[in-house]
Amino acid sequence: MRRRVLTDPLWWCLALLLLLMFGMPWFKGLFSFLFPSLARPVYLQDSFAVLAWAHMKLVVISSVIAVLLGVGAGVAVTRRAGREFRSLTETLVAVGQTFPPVAVLAVAVPVMGFGEQPAIIALVLYGLLPIVQGTLTGIDTVPGAIRETAAGAGMTRWQILTRVELPLAAPVIIAGIRTSIMINIGTAAIAATVGTKTLGSPIIIGLSGFNTAYILQGAVLVALLAIVTDLVFERWLSRLDRRAGRA
């Protein structure tokens, strides 16, 4: 067990993420050596732990909303009553991702003001497409014979959806959610431009003040957060595949 932990990249990345979140000031000497011209080589305006928590909170809230809307829309347009709206739904979510997040923020801020709300709107719009596509693909791949067998066994349409279609489509749906969250982790850094504290704060301040060390610190933490999240989803999908194989 100990050897497995020591060779597991997930635990190494998680340990490094926590180390940098809580101990970035300890590396002041390293950044002073790498960037000797900088008077302040470590970002100290906010704790990196606080910024990381705010970043994750923003991603979680926007991702939950995107999952509810995306999976709900994907399921709805695969039912008889909603099939006519499938192409429209796919077009709308695709258009939502073509808008740059900065443009969405620029439109939302005058209406909603600075803070988390315009950032959440931008992240939801940007994260819908992979979830909707994953839901549609997952449900479409469920064999029709299985649906007919379930109907022949006396299952209602709701039971077929919840007990047959969604469980079988779950790996593909989760893969879409995984892609959406990866996009949102990176995009959430831009929320710092509208007054929301995230791991993008040192990046934005570093860009405005020509402080490469700040940019590097924020970017490394965003990258580590994305890697850890991706590895967690990889384990989750592996377990689902093993359960499906046993079934």
C-alpha atoms as a PDB file:
ATOM      1  CA  MET A   1       0.000   0.000   0.000  1.00  0.00           C
ATOM      2  CA  ARG A   2       2.803   2.422   0.952  1.00  0.00           C
ATOM      3  CA  ARG A   3       4.699   1.638  -2.249  1.00  0.00           C
ATOM      4  CA  ARG A   4       1.551   2.266  -4.294  1.00  0.00           C
ATOM      5  CA  VAL A   5       1.113   5.687  -2.661  1.00  0.00           C
ATOM      6  CA  LEU A   6       4.753   6.609  -3.244  1.00  0.00           C
ATOM      7  CA  THR A   7       4.497   5.805  -6.952  1.00  0.00           C
ATOM      8  CA  ASP A   8       1.073   7.370  -7.438  1.00  0.00           C
ATOM      9  CA  PRO A   9       1.266  10.680  -9.377  1.00  0.00           C
ATOM     10  CA  LEU A  10      -2.028  11.815  -7.852  1.00  0.00           C
ATOM     11  CA  TRP A  11      -0.599  11.942  -4.331  1.00  0.00           C
ATOM     12  CA  TRP A  12       2.608  13.619  -5.484  1.00  0.00           C
ATOM     13  CA  CYS A  13       0.707  16.318  -7.371  1.00  0.00           C
ATOM     14  CA  LEU A  14      -1.695  16.802  -4.460  1.00  0.00           C
ATOM     15  CA  ALA A  15       1.201  17.113  -2.002  1.00  0.00           C
ATOM     16  CA  LEU A  16       2.931  19.677  -4.232  1.00  0.00           C
ATOM     17  CA  LEU A  17      -0.300  21.629  -4.639  1.00  0.00           C
ATOM     18  CA  LEU A  18      -0.825  21.794  -0.860  1.00  0.00           C
ATOM     19  CA  LEU A  19       2.816  22.704  -0.279  1.00  0.00           C
ATOM     20  CA  LEU A  20       2.630  25.650  -2.649  1.00  0.00           C
ATOM     21  CA  MET A  21      -0.800  26.724  -1.407  1.00  0.00           C
ATOM     22  CA  PHE A  22       0.326  26.988   2.213  1.00  0.00           C
ATOM     23  CA  GLY A  23       4.071  27.441   1.860  1.00  0.00           C
ATOM     24  CA  MET A  24       4.714  29.687  -1.138  1.00  0.00           C
ATOM     25  CA  PRO A  25       6.560  32.297   1.020  1.00  0.00           C
ATOM     26  CA  TRP A  26       9.088  29.586   1.884  1.00  0.00           C
ATOM     27  CA  PHE A  27      10.274  29.706  -1.727  1.00  0.00           C
ATOM     28  CA  LYS A  28      11.088  33.421  -1.638  1.00  0.00           C
ATOM     29  CA  GLY A  29      14.796  32.660  -1.938  1.00  0.00           C
ATOM     30  CA  LEU A  30      14.235  30.530  -5.033  1.00  0.00           C
ATOM     31  CA  PHE A  31      12.185  33.214  -6.777  1.00  0.00           C
ATOM     32  CA  SER A  32      14.711  35.890  -5.751  1.00  0.00           C
ATOM     33  CA  PHE A  33      17.401  33.784  -7.412  1.00  0.00           C
ATOM     34  CA  LEU A  34      15.322  33.200 -10.547  1.00  0.00           C
ATOM     35  CA  PHE A  35      14.154  36.832 -10.797  1.00  0.00           C
ATOM     36  CA  PRO A  36      16.851  38.982  -9.125  1.00  0.00           C
ATOM     37  CA  SER A  37      15.471  42.230 -10.537  1.00  0.00           C
ATOM     38  CA  LEU A  38      12.162  41.894  -8.670  1.00  0.00           C
ATOM     39  CA  ALA A  39      11.777  43.653  -5.333  1.00  0.00           C
ATOM     40  CA  ARG A  40       8.832  41.427  -4.363  1.00  0.00           C
ATOM     41  CA  PRO A  41       9.335  37.974  -5.854  1.00  0.00           C
ATOM     42  CA  VAL A  42       6.438  36.288  -3.994  1.00  0.00           C
ATOM     43  CA  TYR A  43       2.797  37.321  -4.220  1.00  0.00           C
ATOM     44  CA  LEU A  44       1.660  38.258  -0.701  1.00  0.00           C
ATOM     45  CA  GLN A  45      -1.462  40.373  -1.196  1.00  0.00           C
ATOM     46  CA  ASP A  46      -3.611  37.317  -0.463  1.00  0.00           C
ATOM     47  CA  SER A  47      -2.890  33.846   0.839  1.00  0.00           C
ATOM     48  CA  PHE A  48      -2.559  31.296  -1.962  1.00  0.00           C
ATOM     49  CA  ALA A  49      -4.696  28.938   0.127  1.00  0.00           C
ATOM     50  CA  VAL A  50      -7.491  31.533   0.189  1.00  0.00           C
ATOM     51  CA  LEU A  51      -7.127  32.148  -3.546  1.00  0.00           C
ATOM     52  CA  ALA A  52      -7.161  28.411  -4.300  1.00  0.00           C
ATOM     53  CA  TRP A  53     -10.286  27.926  -2.178  1.00  0.00           C
ATOM     54  CA  ALA A  54     -12.040  30.830  -3.929  1.00  0.00           C
ATOM     55  CA  HIS A  55     -10.944  29.427  -7.311  1.00  0.00           C
ATOM     56  CA  MET A  56     -12.294  25.953  -6.504  1.00  0.00           C
ATOM     57  CA  LYS A  57     -15.518  27.415  -5.102  1.00  0.00           C
ATOM     58  CA  LEU A  58     -16.116  29.323  -8.346  1.00  0.00           C
ATOM     59  CA  VAL A  59     -15.410  26.231 -10.444  1.00  0.00           C
ATOM     60  CA  VAL A  60     -17.653  24.001  -8.316  1.00  0.00           C
ATOM     61  CA  ILE A  61     -20.614  26.407  -8.383  1.00  0.00           C
ATOM     62  CA  SER A  62     -20.402  27.008 -12.132  1.00  0.00           C
ATOM     63  CA  SER A  63     -19.822  23.305 -12.851  1.00  0.00           C
ATOM     64  CA  VAL A  64     -22.820  22.188 -10.777  1.00  0.00           C
ATOM     65  CA  ILE A  65     -25.045  24.638 -12.666  1.00  0.00           C
ATOM     66  CA  ALA A  66     -23.556  23.534 -16.006  1.00  0.00           C
ATOM     67  CA  VAL A  67     -24.070  19.844 -15.153  1.00  0.00           C
ATOM     68  CA  LEU A  68     -27.702  20.377 -14.157  1.00  0.00           C
ATOM     69  CA  LEU A  69     -28.433  22.399 -17.288  1.00  0.00           C
ATOM     70  CA  GLY A  70     -26.290  20.303 -19.651  1.00  0.00           C
ATOM     71  CA  VAL A  71     -27.411  16.847 -18.543  1.00  0.00           C
ATOM     72  CA  GLY A  72     -31.014  18.047 -18.235  1.00  0.00           C
ATOM     73  CA  ALA A  73     -30.999  19.502 -21.743  1.00  0.00           C
ATOM     74  CA  GLY A  74     -29.241  16.438 -23.152  1.00  0.00           C
ATOM     75  CA  VAL A  75     -31.791  14.084 -21.638  1.00  0.00           C
ATOM     76  CA  ALA A  76     -34.735  16.272 -22.645  1.00  0.00           C
ATOM     77  CA  VAL A  77     -33.843  16.368 -26.347  1.00  0.00           C
ATOM     78  CA  THR A  78     -33.435  12.583 -26.479  1.00  0.00           C
ATOM     79  CA  ARG A  79     -37.064  12.084 -25.399  1.00  0.00           C
ATOM     80  CA  ARG A  80     -39.872  11.945 -27.947  1.00  0.00           C
ATOM     81  CA  ALA A  81     -41.249  15.350 -26.990  1.00  0.00           C
ATOM     82  CA  GLY A  82     -37.895  17.067 -27.260  1.00  0.00           C
ATOM     83  CA  ARG A  83     -36.236  15.512 -30.294  1.00  0.00           C
ATOM     84  CA  GLU A  84     -37.230  18.404 -32.546  1.00  0.00           C
ATOM     85  CA  PHE A  85     -35.181  20.751 -30.337  1.00  0.00           C
ATOM     86  CA  ARG A  86     -31.993  18.676 -30.440  1.00  0.00           C
ATOM     87  CA  SER A  87     -30.273  20.516 -33.280  1.00  0.00           C
ATOM     88  CA  LEU A  88     -31.270  23.880 -31.797  1.00  0.00           C
ATOM     89  CA  THR A  89     -29.885  22.898 -28.395  1.00  0.00           C
ATOM     90  CA  GLU A  90     -26.596  21.717 -29.879  1.00  0.00           C
ATOM     91  CA  THR A  91     -26.286  24.949 -31.841  1.00  0.00           C
ATOM     92  CA  LEU A  92     -26.985  27.141 -28.816  1.00  0.00           C
ATOM     93  CA  VAL A  93     -24.427  25.465 -26.551  1.00  0.00           C
ATOM     94  CA  ALA A  94     -21.862  25.538 -29.365  1.00  0.00           C
ATOM     95  CA  VAL A  95     -22.454  29.253 -29.858  1.00  0.00           C
ATOM     96  CA  GLY A  96     -22.088  29.765 -26.107  1.00  0.00           C
ATOM     97  CA  GLN A  97     -18.555  28.399 -26.241  1.00  0.00           C
ATOM     98  CA  THR A  98     -17.563  30.504 -29.247  1.00  0.00           C
ATOM     99  CA  PHE A  99     -17.943  33.677 -27.175  1.00  0.00           C
ATOM    100  CA  PRO A 100     -14.639  34.510 -25.465  1.00  0.00           C
ATOM    101  CA  PRO A 101     -15.045  34.529 -21.651  1.00  0.00           C
ATOM    102  CA  VAL A 102     -13.672  38.065 -21.527  1.00  0.00           C
ATOM    103  CA  ALA A 103     -16.443  39.223 -23.882  1.00  0.00           C
ATOM    104  CA  VAL A 104     -19.094  37.563 -21.696  1.00  0.00           C
ATOM    105  CA  LEU A 105     -17.627  39.281 -18.635  1.00  0.00           C
ATOM    106  CA  ALA A 106     -17.574  42.623 -20.433  1.00  0.00           C
ATOM    107  CA  VAL A 107     -21.289  42.295 -21.226  1.00  0.00           C
ATOM    108  CA  ALA A 108     -22.318  40.925 -17.809  1.00  0.00           C
ATOM    109  CA  VAL A 109     -20.410  43.367 -15.587  1.00  0.00           C
ATOM    110  CA  PRO A 110     -22.408  46.506 -16.526  1.00  0.00           C
ATOM    111  CA  VAL A 111     -25.626  44.607 -15.727  1.00  0.00           C
ATOM    112  CA  MET A 112     -24.592  42.578 -12.665  1.00  0.00           C
ATOM    113  CA  GLY A 113     -21.598  44.515 -11.370  1.00  0.00           C
ATOM    114  CA  PHE A 114     -18.185  43.210 -10.349  1.00  0.00           C
ATOM    115  CA  GLY A 115     -17.864  39.946  -8.452  1.00  0.00           C
ATOM    116  CA  GLU A 116     -18.626  36.257  -8.791  1.00  0.00           C
ATOM    117  CA  GLN A 117     -21.950  36.434 -10.649  1.00  0.00           C
ATOM    118  CA  PRO A 118     -20.661  37.529 -14.087  1.00  0.00           C
ATOM    119  CA  ALA A 119     -17.789  35.052 -13.745  1.00  0.00           C
ATOM    120  CA  ILE A 120     -20.203  32.203 -12.999  1.00  0.00           C
ATOM    121  CA  ILE A 121     -22.288  33.085 -16.067  1.00  0.00           C
ATOM    122  CA  ALA A 122     -19.196  33.040 -18.276  1.00  0.00           C
ATOM    123  CA  LEU A 123     -18.006  29.702 -16.866  1.00  0.00           C
ATOM    124  CA  VAL A 124     -21.441  28.079 -17.226  1.00  0.00           C
ATOM    125  CA  LEU A 125     -21.726  29.162 -20.859  1.00  0.00           C
ATOM    126  CA  TYR A 126     -18.209  27.953 -21.561  1.00  0.00           C
ATOM    127  CA  GLY A 127     -18.697  24.599 -19.854  1.00  0.00           C
ATOM    128  CA  LEU A 128     -22.059  23.520 -21.293  1.00  0.00           C
ATOM    129  CA  LEU A 129     -20.923  22.161 -24.650  1.00  0.00           C
ATOM    130  CA  PRO A 130     -18.850  19.143 -23.459  1.00  0.00           C
ATOM    131  CA  ILE A 131     -21.569  18.134 -20.990  1.00  0.00           C
ATOM    132  CA  VAL A 132     -24.392  18.291 -23.528  1.00  0.00           C
ATOM    133  CA  GLN A 133     -22.331  16.440 -26.122  1.00  0.00           C
ATOM    134  CA  GLY A 134     -21.318  13.787 -23.594  1.00  0.00           C
ATOM    135  CA  THR A 135     -24.922  13.280 -22.496  1.00  0.00           C
ATOM    136  CA  LEU A 136     -26.202  12.980 -26.067  1.00  0.00           C
ATOM    137  CA  THR A 137     -23.423  10.623 -27.104  1.00  0.00           C
ATOM    138  CA  GLY A 138     -23.784   8.481 -23.981  1.00  0.00           C
ATOM    139  CA  ILE A 139     -27.546   8.030 -24.347  1.00  0.00           C
ATOM    140  CA  ASP A 140     -27.265   7.447 -28.107  1.00  0.00           C
ATOM    141  CA  THR A 141     -24.798   4.594 -27.529  1.00  0.00           C
ATOM    142  CA  VAL A 142     -27.247   2.635 -25.344  1.00  0.00           C
ATOM    143  CA  PRO A 143     -28.405  -0.266 -27.542  1.00  0.00           C
ATOM    144  CA  GLY A 144     -32.059  -0.159 -28.553  1.00  0.00           C
ATOM    145  CA  ALA A 145     -32.418  -3.840 -27.696  1.00  0.00           C
ATOM    146  CA  ILE A 146     -31.696  -3.084 -24.050  1.00  0.00           C
ATOM    147  CA  ARG A 147     -34.408  -0.416 -24.000  1.00  0.00           C
ATOM    148  CA  GLU A 148     -36.877  -2.855 -25.580  1.00  0.00           C
ATOM    149  CA  THR A 149     -35.984  -5.539 -23.051  1.00  0.00           C
ATOM    150  CA  ALA A 150     -36.511  -3.106 -20.181  1.00  0.00           C
ATOM    151  CA  ALA A 151     -39.849  -1.990 -21.617  1.00  0.00           C
ATOM    152  CA  GLY A 152     -40.853  -5.635 -22.065  1.00  0.00           C
ATOM    153  CA  ALA A 153     -40.044  -6.242 -18.393  1.00  0.00           C
ATOM    154  CA  GLY A 154     -42.644  -3.638 -17.478  1.00  0.00           C
ATOM    155  CA  MET A 155     -40.415  -0.661 -16.757  1.00  0.00           C
ATOM    156  CA  THR A 156     -41.830   2.810 -17.222  1.00  0.00           C
ATOM    157  CA  ARG A 157     -40.045   5.411 -19.362  1.00  0.00           C
ATOM    158  CA  TRP A 158     -38.712   7.083 -16.221  1.00  0.00           C
ATOM    159  CA  GLN A 159     -37.382   3.780 -14.895  1.00  0.00           C
ATOM    160  CA  ILE A 160     -35.735   2.990 -18.240  1.00  0.00           C
ATOM    161  CA  LEU A 161     -34.031   6.398 -18.158  1.00  0.00           C
ATOM    162  CA  THR A 162     -32.834   6.254 -14.540  1.00  0.00           C
ATOM    163  CA  ARG A 163     -32.076   2.529 -14.234  1.00  0.00           C
ATOM    164  CA  VAL A 164     -30.894   1.668 -17.737  1.00  0.00           C
ATOM    165  CA  GLU A 165     -29.929   4.582 -19.960  1.00  0.00           C
ATOM    166  CA  LEU A 166     -28.187   6.902 -17.494  1.00  0.00           C
ATOM    167  CA  PRO A 167     -26.156   4.143 -15.746  1.00  0.00           C
ATOM    168  CA  LEU A 168     -24.961   2.797 -19.114  1.00  0.00           C
ATOM    169  CA  ALA A 169     -24.246   6.299 -20.417  1.00  0.00           C
ATOM    170  CA  ALA A 170     -22.539   7.414 -17.185  1.00  0.00           C
ATOM    171  CA  PRO A 171     -18.889   6.913 -18.326  1.00  0.00           C
ATOM    172  CA  VAL A 172     -19.416   9.065 -21.425  1.00  0.00           C
ATOM    173  CA  ILE A 173     -21.382  11.696 -19.503  1.00  0.00           C
ATOM    174  CA  ILE A 174     -18.698  11.883 -16.802  1.00  0.00           C
ATOM    175  CA  ALA A 175     -16.031  12.222 -19.498  1.00  0.00           C
ATOM    176  CA  GLY A 176     -17.898  15.273 -20.788  1.00  0.00           C
ATOM    177  CA  ILE A 177     -18.167  16.699 -17.267  1.00  0.00           C
ATOM    178  CA  ARG A 178     -14.449  16.085 -16.829  1.00  0.00           C
ATOM    179  CA  THR A 179     -13.648  18.091 -19.958  1.00  0.00           C
ATOM    180  CA  SER A 180     -15.982  20.883 -18.858  1.00  0.00           C
ATOM    181  CA  ILE A 181     -14.368  21.177 -15.428  1.00  0.00           C
ATOM    182  CA  MET A 182     -10.875  21.199 -16.934  1.00  0.00           C
ATOM    183  CA  ILE A 183     -11.932  24.101 -19.152  1.00  0.00           C
ATOM    184  CA  ASN A 184     -13.446  25.944 -16.205  1.00  0.00           C
ATOM    185  CA  ILE A 185     -10.395  25.553 -13.985  1.00  0.00           C
ATOM    186  CA  GLY A 186      -8.284  27.372 -16.552  1.00  0.00           C
ATOM    187  CA  THR A 187     -10.961  29.890 -17.517  1.00  0.00           C
ATOM    188  CA  ALA A 188     -11.746  30.801 -13.884  1.00  0.00           C
ATOM    189  CA  ALA A 189      -8.398  32.588 -13.728  1.00  0.00           C
ATOM    190  CA  ILE A 190      -9.862  35.299 -15.961  1.00  0.00           C
ATOM    191  CA  ALA A 191     -12.496  36.026 -13.288  1.00  0.00           C
ATOM    192  CA  ALA A 192      -9.834  38.053 -11.485  1.00  0.00           C
ATOM    193  CA  THR A 193     -10.356  40.777 -14.092  1.00  0.00           C
ATOM    194  CA  VAL A 194     -13.836  41.487 -12.655  1.00  0.00           C
ATOM    195  CA  GLY A 195     -12.820  41.657  -9.016  1.00  0.00           C
ATOM    196  CA  THR A 196     -13.191  38.001  -8.083  1.00  0.00           C
ATOM    197  CA  LYS A 197     -10.306  36.571  -6.094  1.00  0.00           C
ATOM    198  CA  THR A 198      -8.984  33.445  -7.787  1.00  0.00           C
ATOM    199  CA  LEU A 199      -5.611  31.954  -8.645  1.00  0.00           C
ATOM    200  CA  GLY A 200      -5.746  34.299 -11.624  1.00  0.00           C
ATOM    201  CA  SER A 201      -5.228  37.283  -9.289  1.00  0.00           C
ATOM    202  CA  PRO A 202      -1.419  36.974  -9.146  1.00  0.00           C
ATOM    203  CA  ILE A 203      -1.380  36.327 -12.893  1.00  0.00           C
ATOM    204  CA  ILE A 204      -3.360  39.497 -13.695  1.00  0.00           C
ATOM    205  CA  ILE A 205      -1.349  41.607 -11.224  1.00  0.00           C
ATOM    206  CA  GLY A 206       1.851  40.090 -12.559  1.00  0.00           C
ATOM    207  CA  LEU A 207       0.898  40.983 -16.126  1.00  0.00           C
ATOM    208  CA  SER A 208      -0.001  44.557 -15.191  1.00  0.00           C
ATOM    209  CA  GLY A 209       3.163  45.001 -13.122  1.00  0.00           C
ATOM    210  CA  PHE A 210       5.568  43.050 -15.362  1.00  0.00           C
ATOM    211  CA  ASN A 211       6.205  40.620 -12.508  1.00  0.00           C
ATOM    212  CA  THR A 212       6.978  37.245 -14.082  1.00  0.00           C
ATOM    213  CA  ALA A 213       7.279  35.560 -10.687  1.00  0.00           C
ATOM    214  CA  TYR A 214       3.653  36.328  -9.816  1.00  0.00           C
ATOM    215  CA  ILE A 215       2.525  34.996 -13.197  1.00  0.00           C
ATOM    216  CA  LEU A 216       4.514  31.793 -12.701  1.00  0.00           C
ATOM    217  CA  GLN A 217       3.172  31.230  -9.182  1.00  0.00           C
ATOM    218  CA  GLY A 218      -0.453  31.589 -10.225  1.00  0.00           C
ATOM    219  CA  ALA A 219      -0.026  29.543 -13.399  1.00  0.00           C
ATOM    220  CA  VAL A 220       1.702  26.651 -11.600  1.00  0.00           C
ATOM    221  CA  LEU A 221      -1.066  26.403  -9.011  1.00  0.00           C
ATOM    222  CA  VAL A 222      -3.800  26.498 -11.672  1.00  0.00           C
ATOM    223  CA  ALA A 223      -1.980  23.765 -13.600  1.00  0.00           C
ATOM    224  CA  LEU A 224      -1.553  21.589 -10.490  1.00  0.00           C
ATOM    225  CA  LEU A 225      -5.214  22.018  -9.570  1.00  0.00           C
ATOM    226  CA  ALA A 226      -6.213  20.935 -13.072  1.00  0.00           C
ATOM    227  CA  ILE A 227      -3.859  17.924 -12.986  1.00  0.00           C
ATOM    228  CA  VAL A 228      -5.129  16.741  -9.588  1.00  0.00           C
ATOM    229  CA  THR A 229      -8.762  17.099 -10.687  1.00  0.00           C
ATOM    230  CA  ASP A 230      -8.073  15.260 -13.939  1.00  0.00           C
ATOM    231  CA  LEU A 231      -6.370  12.384 -12.101  1.00  0.00           C
ATOM    232  CA  VAL A 232      -9.340  12.104  -9.714  1.00  0.00           C
ATOM    233  CA  PHE A 233     -11.719  11.860 -12.665  1.00  0.00           C
ATOM    234  CA  GLU A 234      -9.436   9.276 -14.278  1.00  0.00           C
ATOM    235  CA  ARG A 235      -9.706   7.072 -11.174  1.00  0.00           C
ATOM    236  CA  TRP A 236     -13.476   7.532 -11.103  1.00  0.00           C
ATOM    237  CA  LEU A 237     -13.860   6.517 -14.745  1.00  0.00           C
ATOM    238  CA  SER A 238     -11.587   3.504 -14.212  1.00  0.00           C
ATOM    239  CA  ARG A 239     -13.813   2.303 -11.381  1.00  0.00           C
ATOM    240  CA  LEU A 240     -16.922   2.737 -13.525  1.00  0.00           C
ATOM    241  CA  ASP A 241     -15.282   0.734 -16.321  1.00  0.00           C
ATOM    242  CA  ARG A 242     -14.349  -2.057 -13.878  1.00  0.00           C
ATOM    243  CA  ARG A 243     -17.899  -2.192 -12.527  1.00  0.00           C
ATOM    244  CA  ALA A 244     -19.281  -2.314 -16.052  1.00  0.00           C
ATOM    245  CA  GLY A 245     -16.896  -5.169 -16.857  1.00  0.00           C
ATOM    246  CA  ARG A 246     -18.038  -7.139 -13.830  1.00  0.00           C
ATOM    247  CA  ALA A 247     -21.658  -6.552 -14.777  1.00  0.00           C
END
